[in-house]
């Protein structure tokens, strides 16, 4: 059950990071280069959250 909850929290956190990277809080000129890191980190967190959730459900 811990893996499922941790995976869910990672998924939600990754979604927030990805949306910050897409919407961006920086100026448009700076946005392209600096806002890719939150996008990639968010996508990675989403994928890890899904994997942890699925494996956590299979173990329970």
C-alpha atoms as a PDB file:
ATOM      1  CA  UNK A   1       0.000   0.000   0.000  1.00  0.00           C
ATOM      2  CA  UNK A   2       2.924   2.328   0.653  1.00  0.00           C
ATOM      3  CA  UNK A   3       4.124   2.000  -2.940  1.00  0.00           C
ATOM      4  CA  UNK A   4       0.670   2.870  -4.259  1.00  0.00           C
ATOM      5  CA  UNK A   5       0.445   6.014  -2.135  1.00  0.00           C
ATOM      6  CA  UNK A   6       4.011   7.034  -2.936  1.00  0.00           C
ATOM      7  CA  UNK A   7       3.360   6.437  -6.641  1.00  0.00           C
ATOM      8  CA  UNK A   8       0.232   8.580  -6.472  1.00  0.00           C
ATOM      9  CA  UNK A   9       2.098  11.416  -4.787  1.00  0.00           C
ATOM     10  CA  UNK A  10       4.862  11.199  -7.392  1.00  0.00           C
ATOM     11  CA  UNK A  11       2.277  11.251 -10.180  1.00  0.00           C
ATOM     12  CA  UNK A  12       0.585  14.358  -8.787  1.00  0.00           C
ATOM     13  CA  UNK A  13       3.923  16.099  -8.158  1.00  0.00           C
ATOM     14  CA  UNK A  14       5.103  15.233 -11.653  1.00  0.00           C
ATOM     15  CA  UNK A  15       1.897  16.607 -13.127  1.00  0.00           C
ATOM     16  CA  UNK A  16       2.433  19.880 -11.287  1.00  0.00           C
ATOM     17  CA  UNK A  17       6.073  20.089 -12.413  1.00  0.00           C
ATOM     18  CA  UNK A  18       5.100  19.359 -16.011  1.00  0.00           C
ATOM     19  CA  UNK A  19       2.361  21.995 -16.012  1.00  0.00           C
ATOM     20  CA  UNK A  20       4.765  24.581 -14.557  1.00  0.00           C
ATOM     21  CA  UNK A  21       7.225  23.723 -17.327  1.00  0.00           C
ATOM     22  CA  UNK A  22       4.563  24.015 -20.017  1.00  0.00           C
ATOM     23  CA  UNK A  23       2.908  27.179 -18.753  1.00  0.00           C
ATOM     24  CA  UNK A  24       6.121  28.701 -17.468  1.00  0.00           C
ATOM     25  CA  UNK A  25       6.639  31.533 -15.072  1.00  0.00           C
ATOM     26  CA  UNK A  26       9.602  32.971 -16.965  1.00  0.00           C
ATOM     27  CA  UNK A  27       9.701  35.531 -19.721  1.00  0.00           C
ATOM     28  CA  UNK A  28       8.962  34.194 -23.196  1.00  0.00           C
ATOM     29  CA  UNK A  29      12.566  34.683 -24.308  1.00  0.00           C
ATOM     30  CA  UNK A  30      13.899  32.686 -21.354  1.00  0.00           C
ATOM     31  CA  UNK A  31      11.069  30.173 -21.242  1.00  0.00           C
ATOM     32  CA  UNK A  32      12.257  27.899 -24.044  1.00  0.00           C
ATOM     33  CA  UNK A  33      15.590  26.918 -22.527  1.00  0.00           C
ATOM     34  CA  UNK A  34      14.962  26.987 -18.800  1.00  0.00           C
ATOM     35  CA  UNK A  35      11.500  25.474 -18.710  1.00  0.00           C
ATOM     36  CA  UNK A  36      12.427  22.168 -20.333  1.00  0.00           C
ATOM     37  CA  UNK A  37      13.978  20.843 -17.117  1.00  0.00           C
ATOM     38  CA  UNK A  38      10.654  20.876 -15.174  1.00  0.00           C
ATOM     39  CA  UNK A  39       8.952  19.260 -18.163  1.00  0.00           C
ATOM     40  CA  UNK A  40      11.409  16.371 -18.282  1.00  0.00           C
ATOM     41  CA  UNK A  41      11.491  16.008 -14.497  1.00  0.00           C
ATOM     42  CA  UNK A  42       7.700  16.040 -14.425  1.00  0.00           C
ATOM     43  CA  UNK A  43       7.402  13.387 -17.120  1.00  0.00           C
ATOM     44  CA  UNK A  44       9.963  11.215 -15.343  1.00  0.00           C
ATOM     45  CA  UNK A  45       8.074  11.563 -12.052  1.00  0.00           C
ATOM     46  CA  UNK A  46       4.780  10.712 -13.759  1.00  0.00           C
ATOM     47  CA  UNK A  47       6.237   7.546 -15.284  1.00  0.00           C
ATOM     48  CA  UNK A  48       7.871   6.471 -12.009  1.00  0.00           C
ATOM     49  CA  UNK A  49       4.612   7.148 -10.162  1.00  0.00           C
ATOM     50  CA  UNK A  50       2.646   4.986 -12.592  1.00  0.00           C
ATOM     51  CA  UNK A  51       5.172   2.153 -12.349  1.00  0.00           C
ATOM     52  CA  UNK A  52       5.220   2.258  -8.539  1.00  0.00           C
ATOM     53  CA  UNK A  53       1.435   2.345  -8.424  1.00  0.00           C
ATOM     54  CA  UNK A  54       1.029  -0.631 -10.751  1.00  0.00           C
ATOM     55  CA  UNK A  55       3.664  -2.740  -9.001  1.00  0.00           C
ATOM     56  CA  UNK A  56       2.266  -1.745  -5.629  1.00  0.00           C
ATOM     57  CA  UNK A  57      -1.202  -2.902  -6.664  1.00  0.00           C
ATOM     58  CA  UNK A  58       0.152  -6.184  -8.018  1.00  0.00           C
ATOM     59  CA  UNK A  59       1.896  -6.931  -4.711  1.00  0.00           C
ATOM     60  CA  UNK A  60      -1.224  -6.193  -2.624  1.00  0.00           C
END
